[in-house]
Amino acid sequence: MYRRKPNPYVKLINGDKIIDVGCGSGQNCDQFKGRLVICLDLSLNQLNQARKKGCQNLVQADMEYLPFRDSSVDSLAYIASLHHLRDPSQALGEAQRVLKDKGEILVTVWLVQLKFFFLRRYIIKRSLINGKEVRRFYRLYYPWELKRIMESKGFVTKIYKLYRVNSLLPNNSLYYGIKSTA
């Protein structure tokens, strides 16, 4: 939904050291100017696209195995990336591990949608990228689901909202919270 243009909700993030997890082609990188931003993606091709947009600190890694020290990161942003995992548990465990106490996390995911008849939660979407067909997995979330998962993983909710992009109905979910110190 926001894969090709910046997400306006990244302005919620205040930290000095930010990791854009699943940064894709770097569409959100320039919104963090003046701060240390690390763009992380599994795809080398996406990181090369991010470099062309001016992103400098690029890391090729899996969001389920973050290559950072415990309690070393102020902020994590998962903009339209976490929904590429069938089960986000491992990735959110890694988020808990690398975030400092009271570190912030921003997550956006796609919701179940009318065009998928509200019944399909797991889909493979085909796209043409540079003339090649690419298949991507998506887990579509129910409207209440992301908040429940985040809180079950130890995050404290600051903002939770549903919003829409090019749709009559809400088709995205936004979670902004902090790592609990308890």
N, C-alpha and C. Protein backbone atom coordinates (compact mmCIF):
# COMPACT_ATOMS: atom_id res chain seq x y z
N MET A 1 0.81 -1.17 0.00
CA MET A 1 0.00 0.00 0.00
C MET A 1 0.87 1.26 0.00
N TYR A 2 1.84 1.33 0.90
CA TYR A 2 2.78 2.44 0.91
C TYR A 2 4.14 1.98 0.44
N ARG A 3 4.20 0.91 -0.28
CA ARG A 3 5.50 0.36 -0.66
C ARG A 3 6.27 1.28 -1.60
N ARG A 4 5.62 2.05 -2.39
CA ARG A 4 6.31 2.88 -3.38
C ARG A 4 6.43 4.34 -2.98
N LYS A 5 5.71 4.76 -1.94
CA LYS A 5 5.83 6.14 -1.50
C LYS A 5 5.98 6.16 0.02
N PRO A 6 6.52 7.26 0.56
CA PRO A 6 6.75 7.33 2.01
C PRO A 6 5.46 7.19 2.81
N ASN A 7 5.57 6.61 3.97
CA ASN A 7 4.44 6.45 4.87
C ASN A 7 4.39 7.65 5.80
N PRO A 8 3.28 8.37 5.85
CA PRO A 8 3.22 9.57 6.69
C PRO A 8 3.35 9.30 8.18
N TYR A 9 3.12 8.08 8.61
CA TYR A 9 3.15 7.76 10.04
C TYR A 9 4.56 7.60 10.59
N VAL A 10 5.58 7.58 9.75
CA VAL A 10 6.95 7.46 10.27
C VAL A 10 7.32 8.67 11.11
N LYS A 11 6.56 9.75 11.00
CA LYS A 11 6.82 10.95 11.80
C LYS A 11 6.58 10.71 13.28
N LEU A 12 5.94 9.62 13.63
CA LEU A 12 5.73 9.28 15.04
C LEU A 12 7.05 8.91 15.72
N ILE A 13 8.03 8.47 14.96
CA ILE A 13 9.27 7.96 15.52
C ILE A 13 10.19 9.11 15.93
N ASN A 14 10.68 9.05 17.17
CA ASN A 14 11.50 10.12 17.72
C ASN A 14 12.95 9.72 17.96
N GLY A 15 13.28 8.46 17.92
CA GLY A 15 14.61 7.99 18.31
C GLY A 15 15.74 8.52 17.45
N ASP A 16 16.94 8.48 18.02
CA ASP A 16 18.14 8.92 17.31
C ASP A 16 18.75 7.82 16.45
N LYS A 17 18.58 6.56 16.86
CA LYS A 17 19.08 5.42 16.10
C LYS A 17 17.88 4.58 15.68
N ILE A 18 17.61 4.56 14.38
CA ILE A 18 16.40 3.93 13.83
C ILE A 18 16.78 2.84 12.85
N ILE A 19 16.11 1.71 12.95
CA ILE A 19 16.28 0.67 11.95
C ILE A 19 14.97 0.55 11.19
N ASP A 20 15.04 0.75 9.88
CA ASP A 20 13.89 0.58 8.99
C ASP A 20 13.94 -0.88 8.53
N VAL A 21 13.19 -1.72 9.21
CA VAL A 21 13.23 -3.17 8.99
C VAL A 21 12.32 -3.52 7.82
N GLY A 22 12.92 -4.12 6.79
CA GLY A 22 12.18 -4.39 5.56
C GLY A 22 12.01 -3.09 4.80
N CYS A 23 13.10 -2.37 4.65
CA CYS A 23 13.08 -1.01 4.08
C CYS A 23 12.66 -0.98 2.62
N GLY A 24 12.69 -2.11 1.94
CA GLY A 24 12.32 -2.12 0.53
C GLY A 24 13.27 -1.23 -0.25
N SER A 25 12.74 -0.41 -1.11
CA SER A 25 13.57 0.43 -1.96
C SER A 25 13.96 1.75 -1.31
N GLY A 26 13.77 1.88 0.00
CA GLY A 26 14.22 3.06 0.72
C GLY A 26 13.27 4.24 0.69
N GLN A 27 12.00 4.00 0.47
CA GLN A 27 11.04 5.08 0.34
C GLN A 27 10.83 5.89 1.62
N ASN A 28 11.20 5.35 2.78
CA ASN A 28 11.02 6.09 4.03
C ASN A 28 12.30 6.69 4.58
N CYS A 29 13.42 6.34 3.99
CA CYS A 29 14.74 6.73 4.51
C CYS A 29 14.90 8.24 4.70
N ASP A 30 14.50 9.02 3.75
CA ASP A 30 14.74 10.46 3.83
C ASP A 30 13.86 11.16 4.86
N GLN A 31 12.86 10.48 5.39
CA GLN A 31 12.02 11.08 6.43
C GLN A 31 12.69 11.09 7.80
N PHE A 32 13.82 10.41 7.91
CA PHE A 32 14.54 10.34 9.19
C PHE A 32 15.81 11.19 9.17
N LYS A 33 15.85 12.22 8.36
CA LYS A 33 17.06 13.04 8.21
C LYS A 33 17.53 13.57 9.56
N GLY A 34 18.87 13.63 9.71
CA GLY A 34 19.46 14.13 10.94
C GLY A 34 19.62 13.08 12.01
N ARG A 35 19.22 11.85 11.71
CA ARG A 35 19.34 10.76 12.67
C ARG A 35 20.06 9.60 12.01
N LEU A 36 20.61 8.71 12.81
CA LEU A 36 21.24 7.51 12.27
C LEU A 36 20.15 6.54 11.84
N VAL A 37 20.08 6.27 10.55
CA VAL A 37 19.09 5.35 10.00
C VAL A 37 19.80 4.17 9.38
N ILE A 38 19.39 2.99 9.77
CA ILE A 38 19.91 1.76 9.18
C ILE A 38 18.77 1.14 8.40
N CYS A 39 18.99 0.96 7.10
CA CYS A 39 17.99 0.34 6.24
C CYS A 39 18.31 -1.14 6.12
N LEU A 40 17.41 -1.98 6.58
CA LEU A 40 17.62 -3.42 6.60
C LEU A 40 16.60 -4.09 5.69
N ASP A 41 17.08 -4.98 4.84
CA ASP A 41 16.19 -5.74 3.98
C ASP A 41 16.88 -7.06 3.63
N LEU A 42 16.09 -8.07 3.36
CA LEU A 42 16.61 -9.36 2.95
C LEU A 42 17.08 -9.34 1.50
N SER A 43 16.46 -8.49 0.69
CA SER A 43 16.72 -8.44 -0.74
C SER A 43 17.85 -7.48 -1.09
N LEU A 44 18.90 -7.99 -1.69
CA LEU A 44 20.01 -7.16 -2.14
C LEU A 44 19.54 -6.18 -3.22
N ASN A 45 18.63 -6.62 -4.07
CA ASN A 45 18.10 -5.74 -5.10
C ASN A 45 17.39 -4.53 -4.48
N GLN A 46 16.59 -4.76 -3.45
CA GLN A 46 15.90 -3.66 -2.78
C GLN A 46 16.90 -2.71 -2.12
N LEU A 47 17.96 -3.25 -1.53
CA LEU A 47 18.97 -2.40 -0.91
C LEU A 47 19.70 -1.56 -1.95
N ASN A 48 19.94 -2.13 -3.12
CA ASN A 48 20.55 -1.35 -4.21
C ASN A 48 19.65 -0.21 -4.64
N GLN A 49 18.34 -0.45 -4.68
CA GLN A 49 17.38 0.61 -5.00
C GLN A 49 17.40 1.69 -3.91
N ALA A 50 17.51 1.26 -2.65
CA ALA A 50 17.56 2.20 -1.54
C ALA A 50 18.82 3.08 -1.63
N ARG A 51 19.93 2.47 -2.01
CA ARG A 51 21.18 3.22 -2.16
C ARG A 51 21.02 4.32 -3.22
N LYS A 52 20.34 4.00 -4.32
CA LYS A 52 20.11 4.99 -5.38
C LYS A 52 19.27 6.16 -4.89
N LYS A 53 18.45 5.94 -3.84
CA LYS A 53 17.63 7.01 -3.28
C LYS A 53 18.37 7.78 -2.19
N GLY A 54 19.62 7.43 -1.96
CA GLY A 54 20.42 8.16 -0.98
C GLY A 54 20.54 7.52 0.38
N CYS A 55 19.96 6.36 0.58
CA CYS A 55 20.11 5.66 1.86
C CYS A 55 21.56 5.16 1.96
N GLN A 56 22.18 5.38 3.12
CA GLN A 56 23.60 5.08 3.24
C GLN A 56 23.93 3.86 4.07
N ASN A 57 23.28 3.66 5.18
CA ASN A 57 23.61 2.55 6.09
C ASN A 57 22.72 1.36 5.76
N LEU A 58 23.20 0.50 4.89
CA LEU A 58 22.40 -0.62 4.38
C LEU A 58 22.89 -1.93 4.98
N VAL A 59 21.95 -2.75 5.41
CA VAL A 59 22.28 -4.05 6.00
C VAL A 59 21.38 -5.10 5.35
N GLN A 60 22.00 -6.11 4.77
CA GLN A 60 21.24 -7.23 4.23
C GLN A 60 21.10 -8.27 5.33
N ALA A 61 19.87 -8.47 5.81
CA ALA A 61 19.62 -9.41 6.89
C ALA A 61 18.15 -9.77 6.92
N ASP A 62 17.86 -10.82 7.65
CA ASP A 62 16.51 -11.32 7.86
C ASP A 62 15.93 -10.67 9.11
N MET A 63 14.70 -10.18 9.06
CA MET A 63 14.09 -9.54 10.22
C MET A 63 13.86 -10.51 11.38
N GLU A 64 13.97 -11.80 11.11
CA GLU A 64 13.83 -12.78 12.19
C GLU A 64 15.15 -13.05 12.90
N TYR A 65 16.24 -12.51 12.41
CA TYR A 65 17.58 -12.68 12.99
C TYR A 65 18.34 -11.37 12.84
N LEU A 66 17.99 -10.37 13.64
CA LEU A 66 18.59 -9.05 13.51
C LEU A 66 20.05 -9.06 13.98
N PRO A 67 20.96 -8.54 13.17
CA PRO A 67 22.40 -8.58 13.50
C PRO A 67 22.84 -7.38 14.35
N PHE A 68 22.12 -7.14 15.46
CA PHE A 68 22.44 -6.02 16.33
C PHE A 68 22.52 -6.50 17.77
N ARG A 69 23.26 -5.76 18.58
CA ARG A 69 23.43 -6.11 19.99
C ARG A 69 22.12 -5.91 20.76
N ASP A 70 22.03 -6.63 21.86
CA ASP A 70 20.89 -6.48 22.76
C ASP A 70 20.78 -5.03 23.24
N SER A 71 19.58 -4.53 23.34
CA SER A 71 19.28 -3.20 23.88
C SER A 71 20.14 -2.09 23.28
N SER A 72 20.31 -2.12 21.95
CA SER A 72 21.19 -1.15 21.29
C SER A 72 20.47 -0.17 20.37
N VAL A 73 19.17 -0.32 20.21
CA VAL A 73 18.44 0.46 19.21
C VAL A 73 17.33 1.28 19.87
N ASP A 74 17.22 2.55 19.44
CA ASP A 74 16.17 3.43 19.97
C ASP A 74 14.81 3.13 19.37
N SER A 75 14.79 2.89 18.05
CA SER A 75 13.51 2.80 17.34
C SER A 75 13.56 1.77 16.21
N LEU A 76 12.46 1.09 16.02
CA LEU A 76 12.30 0.14 14.91
C LEU A 76 11.06 0.52 14.12
N ALA A 77 11.17 0.48 12.81
CA ALA A 77 10.03 0.74 11.93
C ALA A 77 9.84 -0.47 11.02
N TYR A 78 8.68 -1.06 11.05
CA TYR A 78 8.29 -2.17 10.18
C TYR A 78 7.14 -1.67 9.31
N ILE A 79 7.47 -0.91 8.29
CA ILE A 79 6.45 -0.33 7.43
C ILE A 79 6.14 -1.31 6.30
N ALA A 80 4.97 -1.91 6.34
CA ALA A 80 4.54 -2.88 5.32
C ALA A 80 5.57 -3.98 5.11
N SER A 81 6.13 -4.48 6.20
CA SER A 81 7.11 -5.57 6.06
C SER A 81 6.75 -6.78 6.92
N LEU A 82 6.25 -6.58 8.11
CA LEU A 82 5.96 -7.70 9.01
C LEU A 82 4.91 -8.64 8.44
N HIS A 83 4.02 -8.12 7.59
CA HIS A 83 2.97 -8.97 7.04
C HIS A 83 3.51 -9.94 5.97
N HIS A 84 4.80 -9.90 5.70
CA HIS A 84 5.40 -10.89 4.79
C HIS A 84 5.76 -12.19 5.52
N LEU A 85 5.57 -12.22 6.82
CA LEU A 85 5.86 -13.41 7.62
C LEU A 85 4.56 -14.11 7.99
N ARG A 86 4.56 -15.42 7.88
CA ARG A 86 3.39 -16.19 8.28
C ARG A 86 3.13 -16.02 9.78
N ASP A 87 4.19 -16.04 10.57
CA ASP A 87 4.09 -15.87 12.02
C ASP A 87 5.14 -14.83 12.44
N PRO A 88 4.72 -13.72 13.02
CA PRO A 88 5.67 -12.66 13.37
C PRO A 88 6.40 -12.88 14.70
N SER A 89 6.18 -13.98 15.37
CA SER A 89 6.72 -14.20 16.72
C SER A 89 8.24 -14.05 16.80
N GLN A 90 8.96 -14.70 15.91
CA GLN A 90 10.42 -14.63 15.93
C GLN A 90 10.91 -13.20 15.69
N ALA A 91 10.32 -12.53 14.72
CA ALA A 91 10.73 -11.16 14.40
C ALA A 91 10.44 -10.22 15.57
N LEU A 92 9.31 -10.38 16.23
CA LEU A 92 8.98 -9.51 17.35
C LEU A 92 9.83 -9.84 18.58
N GLY A 93 10.23 -11.09 18.71
CA GLY A 93 11.19 -11.44 19.76
C GLY A 93 12.52 -10.75 19.54
N GLU A 94 12.94 -10.68 18.29
CA GLU A 94 14.17 -9.96 17.95
C GLU A 94 14.01 -8.46 18.20
N ALA A 95 12.84 -7.93 17.91
CA ALA A 95 12.58 -6.51 18.19
C ALA A 95 12.73 -6.24 19.68
N GLN A 96 12.15 -7.09 20.51
CA GLN A 96 12.28 -6.94 21.96
C GLN A 96 13.74 -7.00 22.38
N ARG A 97 14.49 -7.88 21.78
CA ARG A 97 15.89 -8.07 22.15
C ARG A 97 16.74 -6.84 21.83
N VAL A 98 16.59 -6.27 20.64
CA VAL A 98 17.49 -5.19 20.22
C VAL A 98 17.05 -3.80 20.69
N LEU A 99 15.77 -3.62 21.02
CA LEU A 99 15.30 -2.31 21.48
C LEU A 99 15.79 -2.02 22.90
N LYS A 100 16.15 -0.76 23.11
CA LYS A 100 16.46 -0.30 24.46
C LYS A 100 15.18 -0.27 25.28
N ASP A 101 15.30 -0.23 26.61
CA ASP A 101 14.11 -0.06 27.45
C ASP A 101 13.40 1.21 27.03
N LYS A 102 12.10 1.12 26.89
CA LYS A 102 11.24 2.20 26.41
C LYS A 102 11.55 2.60 24.97
N GLY A 103 12.26 1.73 24.24
CA GLY A 103 12.46 1.95 22.81
C GLY A 103 11.13 1.86 22.09
N GLU A 104 11.03 2.55 20.97
CA GLU A 104 9.74 2.62 20.27
C GLU A 104 9.72 1.72 19.03
N ILE A 105 8.50 1.28 18.71
CA ILE A 105 8.30 0.42 17.54
C ILE A 105 7.07 0.90 16.78
N LEU A 106 7.21 0.95 15.48
CA LEU A 106 6.11 1.32 14.60
C LEU A 106 5.93 0.20 13.60
N VAL A 107 4.70 -0.29 13.49
CA VAL A 107 4.40 -1.41 12.58
C VAL A 107 3.15 -1.06 11.78
N THR A 108 3.21 -1.28 10.47
CA THR A 108 1.99 -1.23 9.66
C THR A 108 1.87 -2.55 8.91
N VAL A 109 0.65 -3.03 8.82
CA VAL A 109 0.35 -4.27 8.10
C VAL A 109 -0.93 -4.10 7.30
N TRP A 110 -1.10 -4.95 6.31
CA TRP A 110 -2.33 -4.97 5.53
C TRP A 110 -3.39 -5.76 6.27
N LEU A 111 -4.63 -5.31 6.13
CA LEU A 111 -5.77 -6.01 6.72
C LEU A 111 -6.42 -6.91 5.67
N VAL A 112 -7.25 -7.85 6.17
CA VAL A 112 -8.07 -8.62 5.24
C VAL A 112 -8.86 -7.63 4.42
N GLN A 113 -9.09 -7.93 3.15
CA GLN A 113 -9.64 -6.94 2.24
C GLN A 113 -10.80 -7.50 1.43
N LEU A 114 -11.67 -6.60 1.04
CA LEU A 114 -12.82 -6.96 0.24
C LEU A 114 -12.41 -7.69 -1.04
N LYS A 115 -11.35 -7.21 -1.70
CA LYS A 115 -10.97 -7.83 -2.96
C LYS A 115 -10.51 -9.29 -2.78
N PHE A 116 -10.20 -9.67 -1.54
CA PHE A 116 -9.86 -11.07 -1.27
C PHE A 116 -11.01 -11.74 -0.52
N PHE A 117 -12.20 -11.14 -0.63
CA PHE A 117 -13.44 -11.67 -0.07
C PHE A 117 -13.40 -11.84 1.44
N PHE A 118 -12.51 -11.13 2.12
CA PHE A 118 -12.37 -11.15 3.57
C PHE A 118 -12.04 -12.53 4.13
N LEU A 119 -11.99 -13.53 3.30
CA LEU A 119 -11.77 -14.89 3.78
C LEU A 119 -10.31 -15.30 3.69
N ARG A 120 -9.63 -14.77 2.73
CA ARG A 120 -8.25 -15.19 2.50
C ARG A 120 -7.32 -14.38 3.38
N ARG A 121 -6.61 -15.07 4.26
CA ARG A 121 -5.67 -14.42 5.16
C ARG A 121 -4.25 -14.55 4.66
N TYR A 122 -3.98 -15.59 3.89
CA TYR A 122 -2.63 -15.83 3.39
C TYR A 122 -2.71 -15.82 1.87
N ILE A 123 -2.00 -14.88 1.27
CA ILE A 123 -2.07 -14.75 -0.19
C ILE A 123 -0.67 -14.65 -0.78
N ILE A 124 -0.57 -15.01 -2.04
CA ILE A 124 0.63 -14.79 -2.83
C ILE A 124 0.24 -13.76 -3.88
N LYS A 125 0.92 -12.64 -3.87
CA LYS A 125 0.63 -11.59 -4.83
C LYS A 125 1.75 -11.55 -5.86
N ARG A 126 1.37 -11.49 -7.11
CA ARG A 126 2.35 -11.44 -8.20
C ARG A 126 2.55 -10.01 -8.66
N SER A 127 3.80 -9.65 -8.90
CA SER A 127 4.15 -8.32 -9.40
C SER A 127 5.20 -8.48 -10.49
N LEU A 128 5.25 -7.51 -11.37
CA LEU A 128 6.32 -7.45 -12.37
C LEU A 128 7.32 -6.41 -11.90
N ILE A 129 8.56 -6.83 -11.70
CA ILE A 129 9.63 -5.93 -11.31
C ILE A 129 10.76 -6.10 -12.31
N ASN A 130 11.06 -5.01 -13.02
CA ASN A 130 12.09 -5.05 -14.08
C ASN A 130 11.83 -6.17 -15.07
N GLY A 131 10.56 -6.36 -15.41
CA GLY A 131 10.20 -7.36 -16.40
C GLY A 131 10.17 -8.79 -15.89
N LYS A 132 10.47 -9.00 -14.61
CA LYS A 132 10.44 -10.34 -14.04
C LYS A 132 9.27 -10.47 -13.08
N GLU A 133 8.60 -11.63 -13.14
CA GLU A 133 7.51 -11.87 -12.20
C GLU A 133 8.09 -12.21 -10.83
N VAL A 134 7.59 -11.51 -9.83
CA VAL A 134 8.00 -11.74 -8.46
C VAL A 134 6.76 -12.11 -7.67
N ARG A 135 6.86 -13.15 -6.88
CA ARG A 135 5.75 -13.58 -6.03
C ARG A 135 6.08 -13.25 -4.59
N ARG A 136 5.13 -12.60 -3.93
CA ARG A 136 5.34 -12.22 -2.54
C ARG A 136 4.23 -12.79 -1.69
N PHE A 137 4.62 -13.28 -0.53
CA PHE A 137 3.67 -13.81 0.45
C PHE A 137 3.17 -12.67 1.33
N TYR A 138 1.88 -12.68 1.64
CA TYR A 138 1.28 -11.72 2.57
C TYR A 138 0.38 -12.46 3.54
N ARG A 139 0.51 -12.10 4.80
CA ARG A 139 -0.44 -12.52 5.82
C ARG A 139 -1.32 -11.30 6.06
N LEU A 140 -2.60 -11.41 5.79
CA LEU A 140 -3.52 -10.30 6.01
C LEU A 140 -4.09 -10.41 7.42
N TYR A 141 -4.10 -9.31 8.12
CA TYR A 141 -4.49 -9.29 9.53
C TYR A 141 -5.94 -8.88 9.71
N TYR A 142 -6.57 -9.38 10.78
CA TYR A 142 -7.88 -8.91 11.18
C TYR A 142 -7.69 -7.56 11.88
N PRO A 143 -8.71 -6.71 11.91
CA PRO A 143 -8.54 -5.36 12.46
C PRO A 143 -8.01 -5.31 13.90
N TRP A 144 -8.32 -6.24 14.73
CA TRP A 144 -7.90 -6.24 16.14
C TRP A 144 -6.59 -7.00 16.36
N GLU A 145 -6.13 -7.71 15.38
CA GLU A 145 -5.08 -8.71 15.57
C GLU A 145 -3.70 -8.13 15.87
N LEU A 146 -3.27 -7.12 15.16
CA LEU A 146 -1.91 -6.60 15.35
C LEU A 146 -1.72 -6.09 16.78
N LYS A 147 -2.66 -5.34 17.28
CA LYS A 147 -2.55 -4.82 18.65
C LYS A 147 -2.44 -5.96 19.66
N ARG A 148 -3.27 -6.97 19.49
CA ARG A 148 -3.24 -8.12 20.41
C ARG A 148 -1.89 -8.81 20.38
N ILE A 149 -1.35 -9.02 19.18
CA ILE A 149 -0.05 -9.69 19.04
C ILE A 149 1.05 -8.85 19.68
N MET A 150 1.07 -7.56 19.39
CA MET A 150 2.12 -6.69 19.92
C MET A 150 2.10 -6.67 21.45
N GLU A 151 0.93 -6.55 22.03
CA GLU A 151 0.82 -6.54 23.49
C GLU A 151 1.21 -7.89 24.08
N SER A 152 0.89 -8.98 23.39
CA SER A 152 1.27 -10.30 23.89
C SER A 152 2.79 -10.51 23.85
N LYS A 153 3.47 -9.73 23.02
CA LYS A 153 4.93 -9.82 22.92
C LYS A 153 5.64 -8.81 23.83
N GLY A 154 4.87 -8.12 24.68
CA GLY A 154 5.46 -7.25 25.68
C GLY A 154 5.57 -5.79 25.31
N PHE A 155 4.90 -5.35 24.27
CA PHE A 155 4.93 -3.94 23.91
C PHE A 155 3.74 -3.22 24.55
N VAL A 156 3.93 -1.96 24.87
CA VAL A 156 2.89 -1.13 25.45
C VAL A 156 2.36 -0.21 24.35
N THR A 157 1.07 -0.28 24.11
CA THR A 157 0.44 0.47 23.02
C THR A 157 0.34 1.95 23.36
N LYS A 158 0.79 2.78 22.42
CA LYS A 158 0.62 4.23 22.51
C LYS A 158 -0.45 4.68 21.50
N ILE A 159 -0.38 4.13 20.29
CA ILE A 159 -1.37 4.45 19.25
C ILE A 159 -1.69 3.16 18.50
N TYR A 160 -2.97 2.93 18.28
CA TYR A 160 -3.39 1.84 17.41
C TYR A 160 -4.54 2.36 16.57
N LYS A 161 -4.40 2.26 15.27
CA LYS A 161 -5.48 2.75 14.42
C LYS A 161 -5.55 1.97 13.12
N LEU A 162 -6.72 2.01 12.55
CA LEU A 162 -6.95 1.46 11.23
C LEU A 162 -7.03 2.64 10.27
N TYR A 163 -6.47 2.48 9.09
CA TYR A 163 -6.54 3.55 8.12
C TYR A 163 -6.67 2.95 6.73
N ARG A 164 -7.02 3.79 5.80
CA ARG A 164 -7.23 3.28 4.44
C ARG A 164 -6.31 3.98 3.46
N VAL A 165 -5.94 3.23 2.45
CA VAL A 165 -5.13 3.73 1.34
C VAL A 165 -5.79 3.23 0.06
N ASN A 166 -6.26 4.16 -0.76
CA ASN A 166 -6.89 3.80 -2.04
C ASN A 166 -7.98 2.75 -1.87
N SER A 167 -8.82 2.91 -0.88
CA SER A 167 -9.87 1.94 -0.60
C SER A 167 -11.04 2.64 0.09
N LEU A 168 -12.22 2.07 -0.05
CA LEU A 168 -13.38 2.61 0.66
C LEU A 168 -13.38 2.21 2.13
N LEU A 169 -12.77 1.06 2.42
CA LEU A 169 -12.73 0.54 3.79
C LEU A 169 -11.30 0.57 4.31
N PRO A 170 -11.12 0.59 5.64
CA PRO A 170 -9.76 0.51 6.17
C PRO A 170 -9.07 -0.76 5.66
N ASN A 171 -7.86 -0.61 5.17
CA ASN A 171 -7.14 -1.77 4.66
C ASN A 171 -5.73 -1.87 5.21
N ASN A 172 -5.43 -1.06 6.22
CA ASN A 172 -4.14 -1.09 6.89
C ASN A 172 -4.35 -0.91 8.38
N SER A 173 -3.40 -1.43 9.13
CA SER A 173 -3.41 -1.30 10.58
C SER A 173 -2.08 -0.70 10.99
N LEU A 174 -2.11 0.24 11.95
CA LEU A 174 -0.91 0.89 12.44
C LEU A 174 -0.79 0.66 13.93
N TYR A 175 0.40 0.25 14.34
CA TYR A 175 0.69 0.08 15.76
C TYR A 175 1.92 0.90 16.10
N TYR A 176 1.83 1.73 17.13
CA TYR A 176 2.97 2.47 17.65
C TYR A 176 3.01 2.22 19.13
N GLY A 177 4.14 1.71 19.61
CA GLY A 177 4.25 1.40 21.03
C GLY A 177 5.69 1.45 21.49
N ILE A 178 5.86 1.09 22.77
CA ILE A 178 7.21 1.08 23.34
C ILE A 178 7.48 -0.28 24.00
N LYS A 179 8.75 -0.55 24.13
CA LYS A 179 9.18 -1.77 24.81
C LYS A 179 8.95 -1.58 26.30
N SER A 180 8.25 -2.51 26.89
CA SER A 180 7.96 -2.46 28.32
C SER A 180 9.24 -2.68 29.11
N THR A 181 9.37 -2.00 30.23
CA THR A 181 10.55 -2.19 31.09
C THR A 181 10.29 -3.25 32.16
N ALA A 182 9.07 -3.73 32.23
CA ALA A 182 8.73 -4.73 33.27
C ALA A 182 9.04 -6.13 32.80
